[in-house]
Amino acid sequence: MAALCTALAYYYDDHREELADRERADESARQEGERRIRTLVANGTESVEEAD
C-alpha cells in the first residue's frame, strides 16, 4: 500500500500543472453550465433542447 501512495505522490508531483489546468477547465465548464441553466430558468424554457 505504501508503494501505491508513493507512486501517486510522484505522479501528482510530475503532473501538477496539467492537473491544475484540467481542474480550472472543469470549473469553467461547470460555471458555464450553471449560467446556461439560470438563463433557461429565468426565461421559463420548458425544454432543454431549446437551449442550444
N, C-alpha and C. Protein backbone atom coordinates (compact mmCIF):
# COMPACT_ATOMS: atom_id res chain seq x y z
N MET A 1 0.82 -1.19 0.00
CA MET A 1 0.00 0.00 0.00
C MET A 1 0.87 1.25 0.00
N ALA A 2 1.96 1.21 0.73
CA ALA A 2 2.86 2.35 0.79
C ALA A 2 3.45 2.65 -0.59
N ALA A 3 3.74 1.59 -1.36
CA ALA A 3 4.30 1.79 -2.69
C ALA A 3 3.29 2.51 -3.59
N LEU A 4 2.02 2.18 -3.45
CA LEU A 4 0.98 2.84 -4.24
C LEU A 4 0.91 4.32 -3.90
N CYS A 5 0.91 4.64 -2.62
CA CYS A 5 0.85 6.04 -2.19
C CYS A 5 2.07 6.81 -2.67
N THR A 6 3.22 6.20 -2.62
CA THR A 6 4.45 6.83 -3.09
C THR A 6 4.37 7.09 -4.59
N ALA A 7 3.90 6.10 -5.33
CA ALA A 7 3.77 6.26 -6.78
C ALA A 7 2.78 7.37 -7.12
N LEU A 8 1.66 7.44 -6.42
CA LEU A 8 0.68 8.50 -6.66
C LEU A 8 1.26 9.88 -6.33
N ALA A 9 2.03 9.94 -5.27
CA ALA A 9 2.65 11.21 -4.90
C ALA A 9 3.63 11.68 -5.98
N TYR A 10 4.43 10.77 -6.51
CA TYR A 10 5.34 11.14 -7.60
C TYR A 10 4.57 11.53 -8.85
N TYR A 11 3.51 10.79 -9.16
CA TYR A 11 2.70 11.10 -10.34
C TYR A 11 2.10 12.50 -10.20
N TYR A 12 1.53 12.79 -9.06
CA TYR A 12 0.92 14.10 -8.83
C TYR A 12 1.97 15.20 -8.94
N ASP A 13 3.14 14.98 -8.34
CA ASP A 13 4.19 15.98 -8.38
C ASP A 13 4.65 16.23 -9.82
N ASP A 14 4.75 15.17 -10.62
CA ASP A 14 5.19 15.30 -12.01
C ASP A 14 4.14 15.95 -12.91
N HIS A 15 2.86 15.84 -12.55
CA HIS A 15 1.78 16.32 -13.41
C HIS A 15 0.94 17.42 -12.76
N ARG A 16 1.51 18.08 -11.79
CA ARG A 16 0.78 19.08 -11.01
C ARG A 16 0.16 20.17 -11.90
N GLU A 17 0.91 20.75 -12.81
CA GLU A 17 0.39 21.82 -13.67
C GLU A 17 -0.72 21.33 -14.59
N GLU A 18 -0.53 20.16 -15.17
CA GLU A 18 -1.56 19.58 -16.05
C GLU A 18 -2.86 19.33 -15.29
N LEU A 19 -2.76 18.81 -14.09
CA LEU A 19 -3.94 18.56 -13.27
C LEU A 19 -4.61 19.87 -12.86
N ALA A 20 -3.83 20.88 -12.53
CA ALA A 20 -4.39 22.18 -12.16
C ALA A 20 -5.10 22.81 -13.35
N ASP A 21 -4.50 22.69 -14.55
CA ASP A 21 -5.15 23.22 -15.76
C ASP A 21 -6.47 22.52 -16.02
N ARG A 22 -6.49 21.21 -15.83
CA ARG A 22 -7.72 20.44 -16.03
C ARG A 22 -8.78 20.84 -15.02
N GLU A 23 -8.38 21.06 -13.77
CA GLU A 23 -9.33 21.49 -12.74
C GLU A 23 -9.92 22.86 -13.09
N ARG A 24 -9.07 23.78 -13.59
CA ARG A 24 -9.57 25.10 -13.98
C ARG A 24 -10.54 24.99 -15.14
N ALA A 25 -10.24 24.14 -16.12
CA ALA A 25 -11.13 23.96 -17.27
C ALA A 25 -12.46 23.35 -16.83
N ASP A 26 -12.40 22.38 -15.93
CA ASP A 26 -13.64 21.76 -15.41
C ASP A 26 -14.48 22.78 -14.65
N GLU A 27 -13.83 23.62 -13.86
CA GLU A 27 -14.55 24.64 -13.09
C GLU A 27 -15.20 25.65 -14.04
N SER A 28 -14.49 26.02 -15.07
CA SER A 28 -15.03 26.96 -16.06
C SER A 28 -16.25 26.35 -16.76
N ALA A 29 -16.15 25.08 -17.14
CA ALA A 29 -17.27 24.40 -17.80
C ALA A 29 -18.47 24.30 -16.85
N ARG A 30 -18.21 24.03 -15.58
CA ARG A 30 -19.29 23.95 -14.59
C ARG A 30 -19.99 25.29 -14.45
N GLN A 31 -19.21 26.35 -14.37
CA GLN A 31 -19.78 27.69 -14.24
C GLN A 31 -20.61 28.06 -15.48
N GLU A 32 -20.12 27.71 -16.66
CA GLU A 32 -20.86 27.97 -17.89
C GLU A 32 -22.17 27.20 -17.91
N GLY A 33 -22.14 25.96 -17.47
CA GLY A 33 -23.35 25.15 -17.39
C GLY A 33 -24.37 25.74 -16.42
N GLU A 34 -23.88 26.20 -15.28
CA GLU A 34 -24.78 26.82 -14.31
C GLU A 34 -25.38 28.10 -14.86
N ARG A 35 -24.57 28.88 -15.58
CA ARG A 35 -25.06 30.12 -16.19
C ARG A 35 -26.16 29.81 -17.21
N ARG A 36 -25.95 28.78 -18.02
CA ARG A 36 -26.95 28.42 -19.03
C ARG A 36 -28.24 27.93 -18.37
N ILE A 37 -28.11 27.19 -17.29
CA ILE A 37 -29.30 26.72 -16.57
C ILE A 37 -30.07 27.90 -15.99
N ARG A 38 -29.35 28.84 -15.36
CA ARG A 38 -30.03 30.02 -14.80
C ARG A 38 -30.75 30.80 -15.90
N THR A 39 -30.12 30.90 -17.08
CA THR A 39 -30.76 31.60 -18.21
C THR A 39 -32.02 30.87 -18.63
N LEU A 40 -31.95 29.55 -18.72
CA LEU A 40 -33.13 28.77 -19.10
C LEU A 40 -34.26 28.94 -18.09
N VAL A 41 -33.91 28.87 -16.83
CA VAL A 41 -34.92 29.00 -15.78
C VAL A 41 -35.53 30.41 -15.79
N ALA A 42 -34.69 31.41 -15.97
CA ALA A 42 -35.17 32.79 -15.99
C ALA A 42 -36.10 33.05 -17.18
N ASN A 43 -35.82 32.37 -18.29
CA ASN A 43 -36.64 32.55 -19.49
C ASN A 43 -37.88 31.66 -19.48
N GLY A 44 -37.98 30.79 -18.51
CA GLY A 44 -39.13 29.89 -18.42
C GLY A 44 -39.16 28.83 -19.49
N THR A 45 -38.02 28.45 -20.03
CA THR A 45 -37.94 27.43 -21.07
C THR A 45 -38.28 26.07 -20.49
N GLU A 46 -39.14 25.35 -21.17
CA GLU A 46 -39.58 24.04 -20.68
C GLU A 46 -38.70 22.91 -21.21
N SER A 47 -38.05 23.09 -22.33
CA SER A 47 -37.30 22.02 -22.96
C SER A 47 -35.80 22.35 -22.97
N VAL A 48 -34.98 21.39 -22.55
CA VAL A 48 -33.54 21.59 -22.55
C VAL A 48 -33.01 21.72 -23.98
N GLU A 49 -33.65 21.04 -24.95
CA GLU A 49 -33.20 21.10 -26.33
C GLU A 49 -33.26 22.52 -26.87
N GLU A 50 -34.11 23.34 -26.32
CA GLU A 50 -34.25 24.71 -26.79
C GLU A 50 -33.05 25.57 -26.41
N ALA A 51 -32.23 25.10 -25.48
CA ALA A 51 -31.09 25.87 -25.02
C ALA A 51 -30.05 26.01 -26.11
N ASP A 52 -29.89 25.01 -26.92
CA ASP A 52 -28.89 25.06 -27.98
C ASP A 52 -29.54 25.63 -29.19
